[in-house]
């Protein structure tokens, strides 16, 4: 469940997805009930959709085609209309 608000963290195109991934991990049962670390929960498969979205966002920043097409901002693609 993504959180969208006006004052998103600045710094990169992926900051919003990164924050959503962190919130998802911190609220997961793996962390709260089992007492595992966020890294262990991420490796166990929690928050898989946000993990793949964050990976795609980071990969799009390194894509050489973005010089011609422009960098895609994952936050604007995921934002509900």
PDB file of N, CA and C in Angstrom:
ATOM      1  N   UNK A   1       0.848  -1.157   0.000  1.00  0.00           N
ATOM      2  CA  UNK A   1       0.000   0.000   0.000  1.00  0.00           C
ATOM      3  C   UNK A   1       0.901   1.229   0.000  1.00  0.00           C
ATOM      4  N   UNK A   2       0.843   1.975  -1.074  1.00  0.00           N
ATOM      5  CA  UNK A   2       1.703   3.138  -1.233  1.00  0.00           C
ATOM      6  C   UNK A   2       1.132   4.345  -0.508  1.00  0.00           C
ATOM      7  N   UNK A   3       2.024   5.187  -0.033  1.00  0.00           N
ATOM      8  CA  UNK A   3       1.620   6.431   0.628  1.00  0.00           C
ATOM      9  C   UNK A   3       2.034   7.582  -0.273  1.00  0.00           C
ATOM     10  N   UNK A   4       1.072   8.381  -0.663  1.00  0.00           N
ATOM     11  CA  UNK A   4       1.362   9.535  -1.503  1.00  0.00           C
ATOM     12  C   UNK A   4       0.959  10.789  -0.764  1.00  0.00           C
ATOM     13  N   UNK A   5       1.849  11.746  -0.733  1.00  0.00           N
ATOM     14  CA  UNK A   5       1.606  13.000  -0.039  1.00  0.00           C
ATOM     15  C   UNK A   5       2.423  14.085  -0.706  1.00  0.00           C
ATOM     16  N   UNK A   6       2.145  15.298  -0.336  1.00  0.00           N
ATOM     17  CA  UNK A   6       2.738  16.450  -1.013  1.00  0.00           C
ATOM     18  C   UNK A   6       4.240  16.581  -0.795  1.00  0.00           C
ATOM     19  N   UNK A   7       4.697  16.481   0.442  1.00  0.00           N
ATOM     20  CA  UNK A   7       6.116  16.723   0.724  1.00  0.00           C
ATOM     21  C   UNK A   7       6.892  15.414   0.783  1.00  0.00           C
ATOM     22  N   UNK A   8       7.075  14.803  -0.399  1.00  0.00           N
ATOM     23  CA  UNK A   8       7.855  13.574  -0.500  1.00  0.00           C
ATOM     24  C   UNK A   8       9.331  13.895  -0.311  1.00  0.00           C
ATOM     25  N   UNK A   9      10.105  12.943   0.139  1.00  0.00           N
ATOM     26  CA  UNK A   9      11.539  13.184   0.306  1.00  0.00           C
ATOM     27  C   UNK A   9      12.205  13.517  -1.028  1.00  0.00           C
ATOM     28  N   UNK A  10      13.074  14.473  -1.007  1.00  0.00           N
ATOM     29  CA  UNK A  10      13.810  14.879  -2.205  1.00  0.00           C
ATOM     30  C   UNK A  10      15.094  14.060  -2.295  1.00  0.00           C
ATOM     31  N   UNK A  11      15.746  14.121  -3.424  1.00  0.00           N
ATOM     32  CA  UNK A  11      17.038  13.474  -3.545  1.00  0.00           C
ATOM     33  C   UNK A  11      17.150  12.637  -4.796  1.00  0.00           C
ATOM     34  N   UNK A  12      16.174  11.803  -5.069  1.00  0.00           N
ATOM     35  CA  UNK A  12      16.206  11.005  -6.283  1.00  0.00           C
ATOM     36  C   UNK A  12      14.791  10.621  -6.671  1.00  0.00           C
ATOM     37  N   UNK A  13      14.662  10.069  -7.850  1.00  0.00           N
ATOM     38  CA  UNK A  13      13.344   9.684  -8.344  1.00  0.00           C
ATOM     39  C   UNK A  13      12.771   8.522  -7.545  1.00  0.00           C
ATOM     40  N   UNK A  14      13.611   7.769  -6.881  1.00  0.00           N
ATOM     41  CA  UNK A  14      13.180   6.560  -6.184  1.00  0.00           C
ATOM     42  C   UNK A  14      12.954   6.767  -4.693  1.00  0.00           C
ATOM     43  N   UNK A  15      13.035   7.985  -4.210  1.00  0.00           N
ATOM     44  CA  UNK A  15      12.945   8.231  -2.770  1.00  0.00           C
ATOM     45  C   UNK A  15      11.597   7.810  -2.195  1.00  0.00           C
ATOM     46  N   UNK A  16      10.526   8.049  -2.923  1.00  0.00           N
ATOM     47  CA  UNK A  16       9.203   7.687  -2.437  1.00  0.00           C
ATOM     48  C   UNK A  16       9.017   6.180  -2.339  1.00  0.00           C
ATOM     49  N   UNK A  17       9.478   5.451  -3.357  1.00  0.00           N
ATOM     50  CA  UNK A  17       9.368   3.995  -3.349  1.00  0.00           C
ATOM     51  C   UNK A  17      10.250   3.410  -2.252  1.00  0.00           C
ATOM     52  N   UNK A  18      11.421   4.009  -2.048  1.00  0.00           N
ATOM     53  CA  UNK A  18      12.321   3.538  -1.004  1.00  0.00           C
ATOM     54  C   UNK A  18      11.686   3.709   0.370  1.00  0.00           C
ATOM     55  N   UNK A  19      11.043   4.844   0.583  1.00  0.00           N
ATOM     56  CA  UNK A  19      10.384   5.083   1.873  1.00  0.00           C
ATOM     57  C   UNK A  19       9.211   4.121   2.073  1.00  0.00           C
ATOM     58  N   UNK A  20       8.424   3.896   1.021  1.00  0.00           N
ATOM     59  CA  UNK A  20       7.308   2.960   1.111  1.00  0.00           C
ATOM     60  C   UNK A  20       7.788   1.543   1.411  1.00  0.00           C
ATOM     61  N   UNK A  21       8.918   1.148   0.819  1.00  0.00           N
ATOM     62  CA  UNK A  21       9.494  -0.170   1.084  1.00  0.00           C
ATOM     63  C   UNK A  21       9.921  -0.284   2.536  1.00  0.00           C
ATOM     64  N   UNK A  22      10.541   0.762   3.063  1.00  0.00           N
ATOM     65  CA  UNK A  22      10.961   0.760   4.466  1.00  0.00           C
ATOM     66  C   UNK A  22       9.783   0.670   5.416  1.00  0.00           C
ATOM     67  N   UNK A  23       8.720   1.405   5.133  1.00  0.00           N
ATOM     68  CA  UNK A  23       7.523   1.363   5.975  1.00  0.00           C
ATOM     69  C   UNK A  23       6.878  -0.011   5.919  1.00  0.00           C
ATOM     70  N   UNK A  24       6.821  -0.593   4.732  1.00  0.00           N
ATOM     71  CA  UNK A  24       6.247  -1.928   4.573  1.00  0.00           C
ATOM     72  C   UNK A  24       7.026  -2.951   5.392  1.00  0.00           C
ATOM     73  N   UNK A  25       8.343  -2.875   5.332  1.00  0.00           N
ATOM     74  CA  UNK A  25       9.166  -3.822   6.089  1.00  0.00           C
ATOM     75  C   UNK A  25       9.014  -3.622   7.598  1.00  0.00           C
ATOM     76  N   UNK A  26       8.951  -2.374   8.028  1.00  0.00           N
ATOM     77  CA  UNK A  26       8.827  -2.105   9.458  1.00  0.00           C
ATOM     78  C   UNK A  26       7.470  -2.518  10.019  1.00  0.00           C
ATOM     79  N   UNK A  27       6.456  -2.610   9.174  1.00  0.00           N
ATOM     80  CA  UNK A  27       5.129  -3.002   9.625  1.00  0.00           C
ATOM     81  C   UNK A  27       4.818  -4.468   9.351  1.00  0.00           C
ATOM     82  N   UNK A  28       5.775  -5.211   8.808  1.00  0.00           N
ATOM     83  CA  UNK A  28       5.529  -6.609   8.451  1.00  0.00           C
ATOM     84  C   UNK A  28       5.531  -7.494   9.697  1.00  0.00           C
ATOM     85  N   UNK A  29       4.787  -8.606   9.610  1.00  0.00           N
ATOM     86  CA  UNK A  29       4.734  -9.560  10.712  1.00  0.00           C
ATOM     87  C   UNK A  29       6.092 -10.206  10.951  1.00  0.00           C
ATOM     88  N   UNK A  30       6.870 -10.334   9.911  1.00  0.00           N
ATOM     89  CA  UNK A  30       8.208 -10.919  10.026  1.00  0.00           C
ATOM     90  C   UNK A  30       9.048 -10.145  11.036  1.00  0.00           C
ATOM     91  N   UNK A  31       8.980  -8.841  10.965  1.00  0.00           N
ATOM     92  CA  UNK A  31       9.767  -7.992  11.856  1.00  0.00           C
ATOM     93  C   UNK A  31       9.120  -7.890  13.237  1.00  0.00           C
ATOM     94  N   UNK A  32       7.810  -7.675  13.257  1.00  0.00           N
ATOM     95  CA  UNK A  32       7.122  -7.425  14.521  1.00  0.00           C
ATOM     96  C   UNK A  32       6.946  -8.686  15.369  1.00  0.00           C
ATOM     97  N   UNK A  33       6.529  -9.787  14.751  1.00  0.00           N
ATOM     98  CA  UNK A  33       6.223 -10.997  15.516  1.00  0.00           C
ATOM     99  C   UNK A  33       7.405 -11.952  15.636  1.00  0.00           C
ATOM    100  N   UNK A  34       8.180 -12.077  14.548  1.00  0.00           N
ATOM    101  CA  UNK A  34       9.287 -13.022  14.552  1.00  0.00           C
ATOM    102  C   UNK A  34      10.592 -12.407  15.034  1.00  0.00           C
ATOM    103  N   UNK A  35      10.673 -11.090  15.064  1.00  0.00           N
ATOM    104  CA  UNK A  35      11.854 -10.409  15.575  1.00  0.00           C
ATOM    105  C   UNK A  35      13.055 -10.447  14.648  1.00  0.00           C
ATOM    106  N   UNK A  36      12.838 -10.650  13.364  1.00  0.00           N
ATOM    107  CA  UNK A  36      13.949 -10.678  12.413  1.00  0.00           C
ATOM    108  C   UNK A  36      14.317  -9.259  12.009  1.00  0.00           C
ATOM    109  N   UNK A  37      15.462  -9.116  11.381  1.00  0.00           N
ATOM    110  CA  UNK A  37      15.892  -7.804  10.900  1.00  0.00           C
ATOM    111  C   UNK A  37      15.177  -7.490   9.586  1.00  0.00           C
ATOM    112  N   UNK A  38      15.111  -6.198   9.212  1.00  0.00           N
ATOM    113  CA  UNK A  38      14.482  -5.848   7.930  1.00  0.00           C
ATOM    114  C   UNK A  38      15.147  -6.534   6.737  1.00  0.00           C
ATOM    115  N   UNK A  39      16.449  -6.694   6.770  1.00  0.00           N
ATOM    116  CA  UNK A  39      17.157  -7.379   5.676  1.00  0.00           C
ATOM    117  C   UNK A  39      16.712  -8.831   5.564  1.00  0.00           C
ATOM    118  N   UNK A  40      16.572  -9.517   6.696  1.00  0.00           N
ATOM    119  CA  UNK A  40      16.127 -10.909   6.687  1.00  0.00           C
ATOM    120  C   UNK A  40      14.701 -11.019   6.163  1.00  0.00           C
ATOM    121  N   UNK A  41      13.847 -10.068   6.539  1.00  0.00           N
ATOM    122  CA  UNK A  41      12.468 -10.072   6.064  1.00  0.00           C
ATOM    123  C   UNK A  41      12.405  -9.820   4.562  1.00  0.00           C
ATOM    124  N   UNK A  42      13.255  -8.949   4.065  1.00  0.00           N
ATOM    125  CA  UNK A  42      13.293  -8.663   2.639  1.00  0.00           C
ATOM    126  C   UNK A  42      13.760  -9.888   1.864  1.00  0.00           C
ATOM    127  N   UNK A  43      14.748 -10.594   2.385  1.00  0.00           N
ATOM    128  CA  UNK A  43      15.241 -11.800   1.738  1.00  0.00           C
ATOM    129  C   UNK A  43      14.230 -12.937   1.820  1.00  0.00           C
ATOM    130  N   UNK A  44      13.352 -12.910   2.836  1.00  0.00           N
ATOM    131  CA  UNK A  44      12.336 -13.949   3.003  1.00  0.00           C
ATOM    132  C   UNK A  44      11.174 -13.757   2.031  1.00  0.00           C
ATOM    133  N   UNK A  45      11.091 -12.612   1.374  1.00  0.00           N
ATOM    134  CA  UNK A  45      10.059 -12.394   0.369  1.00  0.00           C
ATOM    135  C   UNK A  45       8.958 -11.443   0.781  1.00  0.00           C
ATOM    136  N   UNK A  46       9.113 -10.740   1.866  1.00  0.00           N
ATOM    137  CA  UNK A  46       8.110  -9.751   2.266  1.00  0.00           C
ATOM    138  C   UNK A  46       8.238  -8.510   1.399  1.00  0.00           C
ATOM    139  N   UNK A  47       7.110  -7.841   1.144  1.00  0.00           N
ATOM    140  CA  UNK A  47       7.056  -6.591   0.364  1.00  0.00           C
ATOM    141  C   UNK A  47       7.676  -6.767  -1.017  1.00  0.00           C
ATOM    142  N   UNK A  48       7.373  -7.875  -1.657  1.00  0.00           N
ATOM    143  CA  UNK A  48       8.000  -8.223  -2.932  1.00  0.00           C
ATOM    144  C   UNK A  48       7.668  -7.219  -4.041  1.00  0.00           C
ATOM    145  N   UNK A  49       6.439  -6.714  -4.076  1.00  0.00           N
ATOM    146  CA  UNK A  49       6.060  -5.770  -5.136  1.00  0.00           C
ATOM    147  C   UNK A  49       6.842  -4.455  -5.013  1.00  0.00           C
ATOM    148  N   UNK A  50       6.987  -3.945  -3.786  1.00  0.00           N
ATOM    149  CA  UNK A  50       7.747  -2.711  -3.590  1.00  0.00           C
ATOM    150  C   UNK A  50       9.237  -2.936  -3.839  1.00  0.00           C
ATOM    151  N   UNK A  51       9.722  -4.115  -3.513  1.00  0.00           N
ATOM    152  CA  UNK A  51      11.126  -4.445  -3.755  1.00  0.00           C
ATOM    153  C   UNK A  51      11.412  -4.420  -5.258  1.00  0.00           C
ATOM    154  N   UNK A  52      10.522  -5.027  -6.058  1.00  0.00           N
ATOM    155  CA  UNK A  52      10.744  -5.035  -7.506  1.00  0.00           C
ATOM    156  C   UNK A  52      10.551  -3.637  -8.100  1.00  0.00           C
ATOM    157  N   UNK A  53       9.619  -2.850  -7.556  1.00  0.00           N
ATOM    158  CA  UNK A  53       9.431  -1.474  -8.039  1.00  0.00           C
ATOM    159  C   UNK A  53      10.668  -0.627  -7.768  1.00  0.00           C
ATOM    160  N   UNK A  54      11.254  -0.792  -6.592  1.00  0.00           N
ATOM    161  CA  UNK A  54      12.462  -0.048  -6.249  1.00  0.00           C
ATOM    162  C   UNK A  54      13.625  -0.459  -7.157  1.00  0.00           C
ATOM    163  N   UNK A  55      13.740  -1.752  -7.440  1.00  0.00           N
ATOM    164  CA  UNK A  55      14.789  -2.235  -8.330  1.00  0.00           C
ATOM    165  C   UNK A  55      14.616  -1.660  -9.736  1.00  0.00           C
ATOM    166  N   UNK A  56      13.384  -1.679 -10.246  1.00  0.00           N
ATOM    167  CA  UNK A  56      13.125  -1.139 -11.579  1.00  0.00           C
ATOM    168  C   UNK A  56      13.412   0.356 -11.642  1.00  0.00           C
ATOM    169  N   UNK A  57      13.095   1.072 -10.578  1.00  0.00           N
ATOM    170  CA  UNK A  57      13.369   2.505 -10.538  1.00  0.00           C
ATOM    171  C   UNK A  57      14.870   2.767 -10.578  1.00  0.00           C
ATOM    172  N   UNK A  58      15.623   2.037  -9.768  1.00  0.00           N
ATOM    173  CA  UNK A  58      17.081   2.214  -9.755  1.00  0.00           C
ATOM    174  C   UNK A  58      17.686   1.830 -11.098  1.00  0.00           C
ATOM    175  N   UNK A  59      17.158   0.762 -11.716  1.00  0.00           N
ATOM    176  CA  UNK A  59      17.680   0.327 -13.002  1.00  0.00           C
ATOM    177  C   UNK A  59      17.392   1.363 -14.082  1.00  0.00           C
ATOM    178  N   UNK A  60      16.229   2.006 -14.018  1.00  0.00           N
ATOM    179  CA  UNK A  60      15.889   3.003 -15.034  1.00  0.00           C
ATOM    180  C   UNK A  60      16.819   4.212 -14.950  1.00  0.00           C
ATOM    181  N   UNK A  61      17.387   4.463 -13.786  1.00  0.00           N
ATOM    182  CA  UNK A  61      18.313   5.584 -13.640  1.00  0.00           C
ATOM    183  C   UNK A  61      19.640   5.306 -14.345  1.00  0.00           C
ATOM    184  N   UNK A  62      19.983   4.021 -14.498  1.00  0.00           N
ATOM    185  CA  UNK A  62      21.240   3.649 -15.145  1.00  0.00           C
ATOM    186  C   UNK A  62      21.085   3.312 -16.622  1.00  0.00           C
ATOM    187  N   UNK A  63      19.856   3.271 -17.104  1.00  0.00           N
ATOM    188  CA  UNK A  63      19.571   2.885 -18.479  1.00  0.00           C
ATOM    189  C   UNK A  63      20.103   3.949 -19.436  1.00  0.00           C
ATOM    190  N   UNK A  64      20.917   3.526 -20.390  1.00  0.00           N
ATOM    191  CA  UNK A  64      21.513   4.460 -21.338  1.00  0.00           C
ATOM    192  C   UNK A  64      20.470   5.071 -22.266  1.00  0.00           C
ATOM    193  N   UNK A  65      19.364   4.396 -22.481  1.00  0.00           N
ATOM    194  CA  UNK A  65      18.316   4.929 -23.362  1.00  0.00           C
ATOM    195  C   UNK A  65      17.651   6.157 -22.753  1.00  0.00           C
ATOM    196  N   UNK A  66      17.803   6.329 -21.446  1.00  0.00           N
ATOM    197  CA  UNK A  66      17.150   7.466 -20.792  1.00  0.00           C
ATOM    198  C   UNK A  66      17.733   8.793 -21.264  1.00  0.00           C
ATOM    199  N   UNK A  67      18.911   8.764 -21.861  1.00  0.00           N
ATOM    200  CA  UNK A  67      19.474  10.007 -22.405  1.00  0.00           C
ATOM    201  C   UNK A  67      18.608  10.538 -23.539  1.00  0.00           C
ATOM    202  N   UNK A  68      17.962   9.627 -24.265  1.00  0.00           N
ATOM    203  CA  UNK A  68      17.125  10.020 -25.389  1.00  0.00           C
ATOM    204  C   UNK A  68      15.660  10.162 -24.990  1.00  0.00           C
ATOM    205  N   UNK A  69      15.183   9.260 -24.172  1.00  0.00           N
ATOM    206  CA  UNK A  69      13.769   9.231 -23.811  1.00  0.00           C
ATOM    207  C   UNK A  69      13.447  10.055 -22.570  1.00  0.00           C
ATOM    208  N   UNK A  70      14.419  10.286 -21.754  1.00  0.00           N
ATOM    209  CA  UNK A  70      14.181  10.960 -20.480  1.00  0.00           C
ATOM    210  C   UNK A  70      13.955   9.921 -19.386  1.00  0.00           C
ATOM    211  N   UNK A  71      14.375  10.259 -18.194  1.00  0.00           N
ATOM    212  CA  UNK A  71      14.257   9.332 -17.077  1.00  0.00           C
ATOM    213  C   UNK A  71      12.803   9.238 -16.646  1.00  0.00           C
ATOM    214  N   UNK A  72      12.313   8.023 -16.394  1.00  0.00           N
ATOM    215  CA  UNK A  72      10.941   7.844 -15.928  1.00  0.00           C
ATOM    216  C   UNK A  72      10.926   7.928 -14.415  1.00  0.00           C
ATOM    217  N   UNK A  73      10.001   8.683 -13.905  1.00  0.00           N
ATOM    218  CA  UNK A  73       9.853   8.818 -12.468  1.00  0.00           C
ATOM    219  C   UNK A  73       8.823   7.797 -12.014  1.00  0.00           C
ATOM    220  N   UNK A  74       9.245   6.784 -11.287  1.00  0.00           N
ATOM    221  CA  UNK A  74       8.376   5.688 -10.882  1.00  0.00           C
ATOM    222  C   UNK A  74       7.227   6.184 -10.019  1.00  0.00           C
ATOM    223  N   UNK A  75       7.428   7.254  -9.271  1.00  0.00           N
ATOM    224  CA  UNK A  75       6.372   7.779  -8.413  1.00  0.00           C
ATOM    225  C   UNK A  75       5.196   8.297  -9.236  1.00  0.00           C
ATOM    226  N   UNK A  76       5.474   8.926 -10.386  1.00  0.00           N
ATOM    227  CA  UNK A  76       4.379   9.432 -11.205  1.00  0.00           C
ATOM    228  C   UNK A  76       3.683   8.303 -11.940  1.00  0.00           C
ATOM    229  N   UNK A  77       4.385   7.202 -12.200  1.00  0.00           N
ATOM    230  CA  UNK A  77       3.767   6.067 -12.862  1.00  0.00           C
ATOM    231  C   UNK A  77       2.831   5.325 -11.919  1.00  0.00           C
ATOM    232  N   UNK A  78       3.150   5.264 -10.646  1.00  0.00           N
ATOM    233  CA  UNK A  78       2.354   4.535  -9.678  1.00  0.00           C
ATOM    234  C   UNK A  78       1.233   5.373  -9.071  1.00  0.00           C
ATOM    235  N   UNK A  79       1.290   6.670  -9.250  1.00  0.00           N
ATOM    236  CA  UNK A  79       0.323   7.566  -8.628  1.00  0.00           C
ATOM    237  C   UNK A  79      -1.078   7.313  -9.191  1.00  0.00           C
ATOM    238  N   UNK A  80      -2.070   7.124  -8.320  1.00  0.00           N
ATOM    239  CA  UNK A  80      -3.426   6.905  -8.811  1.00  0.00           C
ATOM    240  C   UNK A  80      -3.993   8.174  -9.456  1.00  0.00           C
ATOM    241  N   UNK A  81      -4.777   7.972 -10.487  1.00  0.00           N
ATOM    242  CA  UNK A  81      -5.339   9.120 -11.222  1.00  0.00           C
ATOM    243  C   UNK A  81      -6.443   9.795 -10.486  1.00  0.00           C
TER     244      UNK A  81
END
